[in-house]
Amino acid sequence: MAEDVDSVRSSRKRKQRELTPLQRALALLVRREHSRKELTRKLAERGIEGEAASAAVDRLTGDGWQSDARFAEMLVRTRVANSQGPIRIRAELGSHGLDRDAIEAAMTASEGDWCQIARDLVRRRFGPEFVSDPAHRRKVADFLYRRGFDGETVRFVLHGGVPED
């Protein structure tokens, strides 16, 4: 009797059918945008041959499902919203295999005022009052550099938003 129940249960289970490389790539893109490099790497990690992965990514790019430009704009928007600086954002875009033109186009499309973003970040992190203590100023500068802001922006924030002569 127990054997009959097990055989009925096993016959009711659906067989998991193997997804094609195109279906796997599309499943990844449905969750969020991916760069070509990242999508190809993830497919390879899932055991898909290099040629099949490239063909799937090429097809999705051709059909408009995958776009490096759209990926770059999304990444820039989210990183600006997280108060990261332009140097760090450019480096991350480069690590995703984007060329200089795509990086510059995405950075230009961003309407972020880097000085204002850095100033707001310092106010949130260290409070509204700016201390003139050199050790505290160094701590603020190090924090901004780690977040990816350039020296000009850091100096601008350290001098209270007044441009240097």
N, C-alpha and C. Protein backbone atom coordinates (compact mmCIF):
# COMPACT_ATOMS: atom_id res chain seq x y z
N MET A 1 0.82 -1.18 0.00
CA MET A 1 0.00 0.00 0.00
C MET A 1 0.87 1.26 0.00
N ALA A 2 1.94 1.25 0.83
CA ALA A 2 2.83 2.40 0.89
C ALA A 2 3.53 2.61 -0.44
N GLU A 3 3.83 1.52 -1.13
CA GLU A 3 4.48 1.64 -2.43
C GLU A 3 3.55 2.30 -3.44
N ASP A 4 2.26 2.01 -3.38
CA ASP A 4 1.29 2.60 -4.30
C ASP A 4 1.20 4.11 -4.10
N VAL A 5 1.24 4.57 -2.85
CA VAL A 5 1.17 6.00 -2.54
C VAL A 5 2.41 6.71 -3.08
N ASP A 6 3.58 6.11 -2.89
CA ASP A 6 4.82 6.71 -3.39
C ASP A 6 4.83 6.78 -4.91
N SER A 7 4.33 5.75 -5.57
CA SER A 7 4.33 5.78 -7.04
C SER A 7 3.35 6.82 -7.56
N VAL A 8 2.25 7.04 -6.87
CA VAL A 8 1.29 8.06 -7.28
C VAL A 8 1.89 9.44 -7.09
N ARG A 9 2.55 9.65 -5.97
CA ARG A 9 3.17 10.95 -5.70
C ARG A 9 4.25 11.27 -6.73
N SER A 10 5.08 10.30 -7.04
CA SER A 10 6.16 10.55 -7.98
C SER A 10 5.62 10.80 -9.39
N SER A 11 4.51 10.18 -9.73
CA SER A 11 3.95 10.43 -11.07
C SER A 11 3.28 11.79 -11.15
N ARG A 12 2.86 12.34 -10.01
CA ARG A 12 2.23 13.66 -9.99
C ARG A 12 3.25 14.78 -10.09
N LYS A 13 4.47 14.52 -9.66
CA LYS A 13 5.50 15.55 -9.72
C LYS A 13 5.82 15.87 -11.16
N ARG A 14 5.93 17.12 -11.43
CA ARG A 14 6.32 17.54 -12.77
C ARG A 14 7.81 17.41 -12.92
N LYS A 15 8.20 17.03 -14.09
CA LYS A 15 9.63 17.00 -14.36
C LYS A 15 10.09 18.42 -14.60
N GLN A 16 11.18 18.77 -13.98
CA GLN A 16 11.78 20.09 -14.21
C GLN A 16 12.44 20.05 -15.57
N ARG A 17 11.96 20.87 -16.46
CA ARG A 17 12.61 20.88 -17.78
C ARG A 17 13.77 21.86 -17.75
N GLU A 18 14.77 21.54 -18.47
CA GLU A 18 16.00 22.34 -18.52
C GLU A 18 15.72 23.62 -19.31
N LEU A 19 16.12 24.75 -18.74
CA LEU A 19 15.95 26.03 -19.42
C LEU A 19 17.03 26.22 -20.47
N THR A 20 16.67 26.86 -21.56
CA THR A 20 17.65 27.18 -22.59
C THR A 20 18.51 28.34 -22.12
N PRO A 21 19.66 28.54 -22.72
CA PRO A 21 20.49 29.70 -22.34
C PRO A 21 19.72 31.02 -22.48
N LEU A 22 18.91 31.13 -23.52
CA LEU A 22 18.12 32.35 -23.72
C LEU A 22 17.13 32.54 -22.57
N GLN A 23 16.47 31.49 -22.15
CA GLN A 23 15.52 31.58 -21.05
C GLN A 23 16.21 31.93 -19.74
N ARG A 24 17.37 31.34 -19.52
CA ARG A 24 18.12 31.67 -18.30
C ARG A 24 18.55 33.13 -18.28
N ALA A 25 19.03 33.61 -19.41
CA ALA A 25 19.45 35.01 -19.49
C ALA A 25 18.27 35.94 -19.29
N LEU A 26 17.15 35.62 -19.89
CA LEU A 26 15.95 36.45 -19.74
C LEU A 26 15.47 36.44 -18.29
N ALA A 27 15.56 35.28 -17.63
CA ALA A 27 15.17 35.21 -16.23
C ALA A 27 16.03 36.13 -15.36
N LEU A 28 17.30 36.24 -15.69
CA LEU A 28 18.18 37.16 -14.95
C LEU A 28 17.80 38.61 -15.22
N LEU A 29 17.49 38.92 -16.49
CA LEU A 29 17.16 40.30 -16.85
C LEU A 29 15.82 40.75 -16.31
N VAL A 30 14.92 39.82 -16.07
CA VAL A 30 13.62 40.18 -15.52
C VAL A 30 13.77 40.72 -14.11
N ARG A 31 14.75 40.22 -13.39
CA ARG A 31 14.96 40.66 -12.00
C ARG A 31 15.55 42.06 -11.92
N ARG A 32 16.55 42.34 -12.78
CA ARG A 32 17.18 43.66 -12.82
C ARG A 32 18.02 43.77 -14.08
N GLU A 33 18.46 44.98 -14.40
CA GLU A 33 19.33 45.20 -15.55
C GLU A 33 20.70 44.57 -15.30
N HIS A 34 21.32 44.07 -16.35
CA HIS A 34 22.67 43.51 -16.28
C HIS A 34 23.46 44.04 -17.48
N SER A 35 24.75 44.21 -17.31
CA SER A 35 25.61 44.53 -18.44
C SER A 35 25.86 43.25 -19.23
N ARG A 36 26.32 43.41 -20.47
CA ARG A 36 26.63 42.23 -21.30
C ARG A 36 27.65 41.34 -20.59
N LYS A 37 28.70 41.96 -20.07
CA LYS A 37 29.76 41.20 -19.41
C LYS A 37 29.22 40.43 -18.21
N GLU A 38 28.44 41.10 -17.39
CA GLU A 38 27.89 40.48 -16.19
C GLU A 38 26.93 39.34 -16.54
N LEU A 39 26.09 39.56 -17.55
CA LEU A 39 25.13 38.54 -17.96
C LEU A 39 25.84 37.30 -18.52
N THR A 40 26.84 37.52 -19.33
CA THR A 40 27.62 36.41 -19.89
C THR A 40 28.32 35.63 -18.78
N ARG A 41 28.89 36.35 -17.81
CA ARG A 41 29.57 35.70 -16.69
C ARG A 41 28.60 34.86 -15.86
N LYS A 42 27.42 35.40 -15.59
CA LYS A 42 26.44 34.66 -14.79
C LYS A 42 25.96 33.41 -15.52
N LEU A 43 25.81 33.49 -16.82
CA LEU A 43 25.40 32.31 -17.58
C LEU A 43 26.50 31.25 -17.53
N ALA A 44 27.75 31.68 -17.65
CA ALA A 44 28.87 30.74 -17.57
C ALA A 44 28.92 30.06 -16.20
N GLU A 45 28.64 30.82 -15.14
CA GLU A 45 28.62 30.26 -13.79
C GLU A 45 27.54 29.19 -13.64
N ARG A 46 26.51 29.31 -14.46
CA ARG A 46 25.40 28.34 -14.41
C ARG A 46 25.62 27.17 -15.37
N GLY A 47 26.84 27.06 -15.89
CA GLY A 47 27.19 25.91 -16.70
C GLY A 47 26.87 26.02 -18.18
N ILE A 48 26.61 27.21 -18.66
CA ILE A 48 26.30 27.38 -20.08
C ILE A 48 27.59 27.67 -20.83
N GLU A 49 27.78 26.98 -21.94
CA GLU A 49 28.97 27.14 -22.77
C GLU A 49 29.12 28.60 -23.22
N GLY A 50 30.35 29.01 -23.45
CA GLY A 50 30.64 30.39 -23.84
C GLY A 50 29.94 30.85 -25.09
N GLU A 51 29.94 30.00 -26.13
CA GLU A 51 29.29 30.38 -27.39
C GLU A 51 27.78 30.50 -27.23
N ALA A 52 27.18 29.58 -26.49
CA ALA A 52 25.73 29.61 -26.27
C ALA A 52 25.35 30.83 -25.44
N ALA A 53 26.17 31.15 -24.45
CA ALA A 53 25.90 32.33 -23.62
C ALA A 53 26.00 33.60 -24.45
N SER A 54 27.04 33.71 -25.27
CA SER A 54 27.22 34.89 -26.12
C SER A 54 26.07 35.02 -27.11
N ALA A 55 25.64 33.91 -27.69
CA ALA A 55 24.53 33.94 -28.64
C ALA A 55 23.24 34.40 -27.96
N ALA A 56 23.00 33.92 -26.74
CA ALA A 56 21.80 34.32 -26.00
C ALA A 56 21.83 35.81 -25.68
N VAL A 57 22.99 36.29 -25.22
CA VAL A 57 23.12 37.71 -24.87
C VAL A 57 22.99 38.57 -26.14
N ASP A 58 23.59 38.13 -27.24
CA ASP A 58 23.46 38.87 -28.50
C ASP A 58 21.99 38.98 -28.92
N ARG A 59 21.27 37.88 -28.81
CA ARG A 59 19.85 37.90 -29.21
C ARG A 59 19.05 38.84 -28.31
N LEU A 60 19.28 38.78 -27.01
CA LEU A 60 18.54 39.65 -26.09
C LEU A 60 18.90 41.12 -26.31
N THR A 61 20.15 41.37 -26.66
CA THR A 61 20.55 42.75 -26.96
C THR A 61 19.86 43.22 -28.23
N GLY A 62 19.84 42.38 -29.24
CA GLY A 62 19.19 42.72 -30.50
C GLY A 62 17.70 42.95 -30.35
N ASP A 63 17.07 42.19 -29.45
CA ASP A 63 15.63 42.33 -29.23
C ASP A 63 15.29 43.45 -28.25
N GLY A 64 16.31 44.09 -27.68
CA GLY A 64 16.08 45.22 -26.77
C GLY A 64 15.88 44.84 -25.31
N TRP A 65 16.07 43.59 -24.97
CA TRP A 65 15.93 43.17 -23.58
C TRP A 65 17.15 43.55 -22.75
N GLN A 66 18.31 43.54 -23.37
CA GLN A 66 19.54 43.89 -22.66
C GLN A 66 20.13 45.12 -23.33
N SER A 67 20.52 46.10 -22.50
CA SER A 67 21.12 47.32 -23.02
C SER A 67 22.16 47.80 -22.02
N ASP A 68 23.40 47.94 -22.49
CA ASP A 68 24.44 48.46 -21.62
C ASP A 68 24.17 49.91 -21.23
N ALA A 69 23.59 50.69 -22.15
CA ALA A 69 23.28 52.09 -21.85
C ALA A 69 22.22 52.18 -20.74
N ARG A 70 21.20 51.37 -20.84
CA ARG A 70 20.14 51.36 -19.82
C ARG A 70 20.70 50.88 -18.49
N PHE A 71 21.56 49.85 -18.54
CA PHE A 71 22.20 49.35 -17.32
C PHE A 71 23.03 50.46 -16.66
N ALA A 72 23.81 51.17 -17.47
CA ALA A 72 24.68 52.23 -16.94
C ALA A 72 23.85 53.35 -16.30
N GLU A 73 22.78 53.75 -16.95
CA GLU A 73 21.93 54.81 -16.38
C GLU A 73 21.31 54.37 -15.06
N MET A 74 20.86 53.11 -14.99
CA MET A 74 20.28 52.59 -13.77
C MET A 74 21.32 52.56 -12.64
N LEU A 75 22.52 52.10 -12.96
CA LEU A 75 23.56 52.01 -11.96
C LEU A 75 23.94 53.41 -11.45
N VAL A 76 24.07 54.37 -12.35
CA VAL A 76 24.42 55.73 -11.94
C VAL A 76 23.32 56.30 -11.04
N ARG A 77 22.06 56.13 -11.42
CA ARG A 77 20.95 56.64 -10.60
C ARG A 77 20.98 56.06 -9.19
N THR A 78 21.17 54.75 -9.09
CA THR A 78 21.16 54.13 -7.77
C THR A 78 22.37 54.54 -6.94
N ARG A 79 23.53 54.67 -7.57
CA ARG A 79 24.72 55.07 -6.82
C ARG A 79 24.66 56.53 -6.39
N VAL A 80 24.11 57.40 -7.21
CA VAL A 80 23.93 58.80 -6.82
C VAL A 80 22.94 58.87 -5.66
N ALA A 81 21.88 58.08 -5.72
CA ALA A 81 20.90 58.06 -4.63
C ALA A 81 21.52 57.57 -3.33
N ASN A 82 22.58 56.74 -3.44
CA ASN A 82 23.30 56.26 -2.26
C ASN A 82 24.48 57.16 -1.90
N SER A 83 24.55 58.33 -2.49
CA SER A 83 25.57 59.35 -2.20
C SER A 83 26.98 58.87 -2.48
N GLN A 84 27.17 58.18 -3.59
CA GLN A 84 28.51 57.81 -4.00
C GLN A 84 29.01 58.81 -5.02
N GLY A 85 30.32 59.01 -5.04
CA GLY A 85 30.92 60.02 -5.90
C GLY A 85 31.21 59.52 -7.30
N PRO A 86 31.54 60.46 -8.19
CA PRO A 86 31.73 60.13 -9.60
C PRO A 86 32.91 59.20 -9.88
N ILE A 87 33.98 59.30 -9.10
CA ILE A 87 35.15 58.44 -9.33
C ILE A 87 34.78 56.98 -9.06
N ARG A 88 34.11 56.75 -7.97
CA ARG A 88 33.70 55.39 -7.61
C ARG A 88 32.69 54.84 -8.61
N ILE A 89 31.76 55.66 -9.06
CA ILE A 89 30.74 55.21 -10.01
C ILE A 89 31.40 54.86 -11.34
N ARG A 90 32.31 55.72 -11.82
CA ARG A 90 33.00 55.42 -13.08
C ARG A 90 33.79 54.11 -13.00
N ALA A 91 34.44 53.89 -11.87
CA ALA A 91 35.22 52.66 -11.70
C ALA A 91 34.30 51.43 -11.73
N GLU A 92 33.16 51.53 -11.08
CA GLU A 92 32.23 50.41 -11.09
C GLU A 92 31.68 50.14 -12.49
N LEU A 93 31.36 51.21 -13.21
CA LEU A 93 30.88 51.04 -14.59
C LEU A 93 31.96 50.36 -15.44
N GLY A 94 33.21 50.76 -15.25
CA GLY A 94 34.31 50.14 -15.99
C GLY A 94 34.47 48.67 -15.65
N SER A 95 34.23 48.31 -14.40
CA SER A 95 34.35 46.91 -14.01
C SER A 95 33.26 46.04 -14.63
N HIS A 96 32.20 46.66 -15.10
CA HIS A 96 31.12 45.93 -15.77
C HIS A 96 31.35 45.83 -17.27
N GLY A 97 32.51 46.25 -17.73
CA GLY A 97 32.86 46.07 -19.13
C GLY A 97 32.34 47.15 -20.06
N LEU A 98 31.96 48.30 -19.52
CA LEU A 98 31.46 49.39 -20.36
C LEU A 98 32.62 50.22 -20.88
N ASP A 99 32.50 50.71 -22.09
CA ASP A 99 33.57 51.54 -22.65
C ASP A 99 33.43 52.99 -22.18
N ARG A 100 34.44 53.78 -22.48
CA ARG A 100 34.47 55.18 -22.01
C ARG A 100 33.27 55.99 -22.48
N ASP A 101 32.86 55.79 -23.74
CA ASP A 101 31.73 56.55 -24.28
C ASP A 101 30.45 56.24 -23.51
N ALA A 102 30.21 54.97 -23.24
CA ALA A 102 29.00 54.59 -22.50
C ALA A 102 29.03 55.13 -21.07
N ILE A 103 30.21 55.11 -20.47
CA ILE A 103 30.36 55.64 -19.11
C ILE A 103 30.09 57.14 -19.10
N GLU A 104 30.69 57.85 -20.02
CA GLU A 104 30.49 59.31 -20.06
C GLU A 104 29.05 59.68 -20.37
N ALA A 105 28.41 58.91 -21.25
CA ALA A 105 27.00 59.18 -21.58
C ALA A 105 26.12 59.00 -20.34
N ALA A 106 26.37 57.96 -19.58
CA ALA A 106 25.58 57.71 -18.37
C ALA A 106 25.85 58.77 -17.30
N MET A 107 27.12 59.16 -17.16
CA MET A 107 27.45 60.19 -16.16
C MET A 107 26.88 61.55 -16.55
N THR A 108 26.87 61.84 -17.85
CA THR A 108 26.31 63.10 -18.32
C THR A 108 24.80 63.13 -18.12
N ALA A 109 24.15 61.99 -18.32
CA ALA A 109 22.69 61.91 -18.16
C ALA A 109 22.29 62.12 -16.69
N SER A 110 23.21 61.82 -15.78
CA SER A 110 22.94 62.05 -14.37
C SER A 110 22.93 63.55 -14.10
N GLU A 111 21.92 63.98 -13.42
CA GLU A 111 21.81 65.41 -13.13
C GLU A 111 22.25 65.73 -11.71
N GLY A 112 23.19 64.94 -11.21
CA GLY A 112 23.65 65.13 -9.84
C GLY A 112 24.64 66.28 -9.73
N ASP A 113 24.44 67.10 -8.72
CA ASP A 113 25.40 68.15 -8.37
C ASP A 113 26.32 67.54 -7.31
N TRP A 114 27.53 67.17 -7.72
CA TRP A 114 28.42 66.41 -6.85
C TRP A 114 28.75 67.16 -5.57
N CYS A 115 28.91 68.47 -5.65
CA CYS A 115 29.22 69.25 -4.44
C CYS A 115 28.05 69.21 -3.46
N GLN A 116 26.85 69.33 -3.99
CA GLN A 116 25.66 69.28 -3.14
C GLN A 116 25.48 67.90 -2.53
N ILE A 117 25.71 66.87 -3.32
CA ILE A 117 25.59 65.49 -2.82
C ILE A 117 26.59 65.26 -1.70
N ALA A 118 27.83 65.71 -1.89
CA ALA A 118 28.87 65.53 -0.87
C ALA A 118 28.54 66.34 0.39
N ARG A 119 28.08 67.57 0.19
CA ARG A 119 27.72 68.41 1.34
C ARG A 119 26.59 67.78 2.15
N ASP A 120 25.54 67.28 1.46
CA ASP A 120 24.42 66.64 2.15
C ASP A 120 24.88 65.38 2.89
N LEU A 121 25.77 64.63 2.26
CA LEU A 121 26.29 63.42 2.87
C LEU A 121 27.05 63.73 4.16
N VAL A 122 27.88 64.76 4.13
CA VAL A 122 28.64 65.16 5.32
C VAL A 122 27.70 65.63 6.42
N ARG A 123 26.68 66.38 6.06
CA ARG A 123 25.72 66.84 7.07
C ARG A 123 24.99 65.67 7.72
N ARG A 124 24.59 64.69 6.91
CA ARG A 124 23.89 63.52 7.47
C ARG A 124 24.82 62.70 8.35
N ARG A 125 26.06 62.54 7.91
CA ARG A 125 26.99 61.66 8.61
C ARG A 125 27.61 62.32 9.84
N PHE A 126 27.98 63.59 9.71
CA PHE A 126 28.74 64.25 10.78
C PHE A 126 27.97 65.37 11.47
N GLY A 127 26.75 65.62 11.08
CA GLY A 127 25.94 66.66 11.71
C GLY A 127 26.03 67.98 10.96
N PRO A 128 25.09 68.87 11.27
CA PRO A 128 25.02 70.14 10.53
C PRO A 128 26.14 71.12 10.86
N GLU A 129 26.72 71.00 12.04
CA GLU A 129 27.77 71.93 12.44
C GLU A 129 29.12 71.41 11.98
N PHE A 130 29.87 72.24 11.34
CA PHE A 130 31.17 71.82 10.84
C PHE A 130 32.23 72.24 11.84
N VAL A 131 32.97 71.29 12.34
CA VAL A 131 34.00 71.54 13.34
C VAL A 131 35.30 71.92 12.63
N SER A 132 36.00 72.89 13.16
CA SER A 132 37.23 73.33 12.53
C SER A 132 38.45 72.55 13.02
N ASP A 133 38.23 71.53 13.81
CA ASP A 133 39.31 70.67 14.30
C ASP A 133 39.97 69.95 13.13
N PRO A 134 41.29 70.07 12.98
CA PRO A 134 41.97 69.44 11.84
C PRO A 134 41.77 67.92 11.76
N ALA A 135 41.75 67.26 12.91
CA ALA A 135 41.55 65.81 12.90
C ALA A 135 40.16 65.45 12.37
N HIS A 136 39.17 66.25 12.75
CA HIS A 136 37.81 66.02 12.29
C HIS A 136 37.70 66.30 10.79
N ARG A 137 38.36 67.36 10.34
CA ARG A 137 38.34 67.70 8.92
C ARG A 137 39.00 66.59 8.09
N ARG A 138 40.08 66.01 8.63
CA ARG A 138 40.76 64.92 7.93
C ARG A 138 39.85 63.69 7.84
N LYS A 139 39.11 63.44 8.90
CA LYS A 139 38.17 62.33 8.94
C LYS A 139 37.08 62.53 7.87
N VAL A 140 36.57 63.74 7.76
CA VAL A 140 35.55 64.06 6.75
C VAL A 140 36.14 63.89 5.35
N ALA A 141 37.35 64.38 5.14
CA ALA A 141 37.99 64.27 3.82
C ALA A 141 38.21 62.81 3.44
N ASP A 142 38.72 62.01 4.37
CA ASP A 142 38.93 60.59 4.10
C ASP A 142 37.62 59.90 3.75
N PHE A 143 36.57 60.23 4.46
CA PHE A 143 35.26 59.65 4.21
C PHE A 143 34.79 59.97 2.78
N LEU A 144 34.93 61.23 2.38
CA LEU A 144 34.50 61.62 1.03
C LEU A 144 35.36 60.97 -0.05
N TYR A 145 36.65 60.87 0.18
CA TYR A 145 37.51 60.19 -0.80
C TYR A 145 37.11 58.72 -0.95
N ARG A 146 36.83 58.06 0.16
CA ARG A 146 36.40 56.65 0.09
C ARG A 146 35.08 56.50 -0.66
N ARG A 147 34.23 57.49 -0.58
CA ARG A 147 32.94 57.44 -1.27
C ARG A 147 33.08 57.77 -2.76
N GLY A 148 34.26 58.21 -3.19
CA GLY A 148 34.49 58.43 -4.61
C GLY A 148 34.40 59.86 -5.08
N PHE A 149 34.56 60.81 -4.19
CA PHE A 149 34.53 62.22 -4.58
C PHE A 149 35.96 62.68 -4.87
N ASP A 150 36.09 63.63 -5.79
CA ASP A 150 37.41 64.11 -6.17
C ASP A 150 37.89 65.19 -5.20
N GLY A 151 39.16 65.54 -5.34
CA GLY A 151 39.79 66.50 -4.44
C GLY A 151 39.13 67.87 -4.46
N GLU A 152 38.73 68.32 -5.62
CA GLU A 152 38.08 69.63 -5.73
C GLU A 152 36.78 69.67 -4.93
N THR A 153 35.99 68.62 -5.04
CA THR A 153 34.73 68.55 -4.30
C THR A 153 34.99 68.46 -2.80
N VAL A 154 35.98 67.68 -2.41
CA VAL A 154 36.31 67.55 -0.99
C VAL A 154 36.74 68.91 -0.43
N ARG A 155 37.61 69.62 -1.15
CA ARG A 155 38.04 70.95 -0.69
C ARG A 155 36.85 71.92 -0.61
N PHE A 156 35.95 71.83 -1.58
CA PHE A 156 34.76 72.68 -1.60
C PHE A 156 33.92 72.45 -0.34
N VAL A 157 33.72 71.20 0.03
CA VAL A 157 32.93 70.87 1.21
C VAL A 157 33.66 71.28 2.49
N LEU A 158 34.97 71.05 2.54
CA LEU A 158 35.74 71.39 3.75
C LEU A 158 35.79 72.89 4.00
N HIS A 159 35.70 73.67 2.95
CA HIS A 159 35.72 75.12 3.11
C HIS A 159 34.33 75.70 3.23
N GLY A 160 33.37 74.85 3.55
CA GLY A 160 32.02 75.34 3.80
C GLY A 160 31.26 75.72 2.53
N GLY A 161 31.64 75.19 1.41
CA GLY A 161 30.93 75.48 0.17
C GLY A 161 31.38 76.74 -0.51
N VAL A 162 32.52 77.27 -0.08
CA VAL A 162 33.05 78.48 -0.69
C VAL A 162 34.21 78.07 -1.60
N PRO A 163 34.17 78.45 -2.90
CA PRO A 163 35.26 78.09 -3.80
C PRO A 163 36.59 78.67 -3.34
N GLU A 164 37.66 77.91 -3.55
CA GLU A 164 39.00 78.40 -3.19
C GLU A 164 39.47 79.43 -4.20
N ASP A 165 40.33 80.33 -3.74
CA ASP A 165 40.89 81.37 -4.64
C ASP A 165 41.97 80.80 -5.50
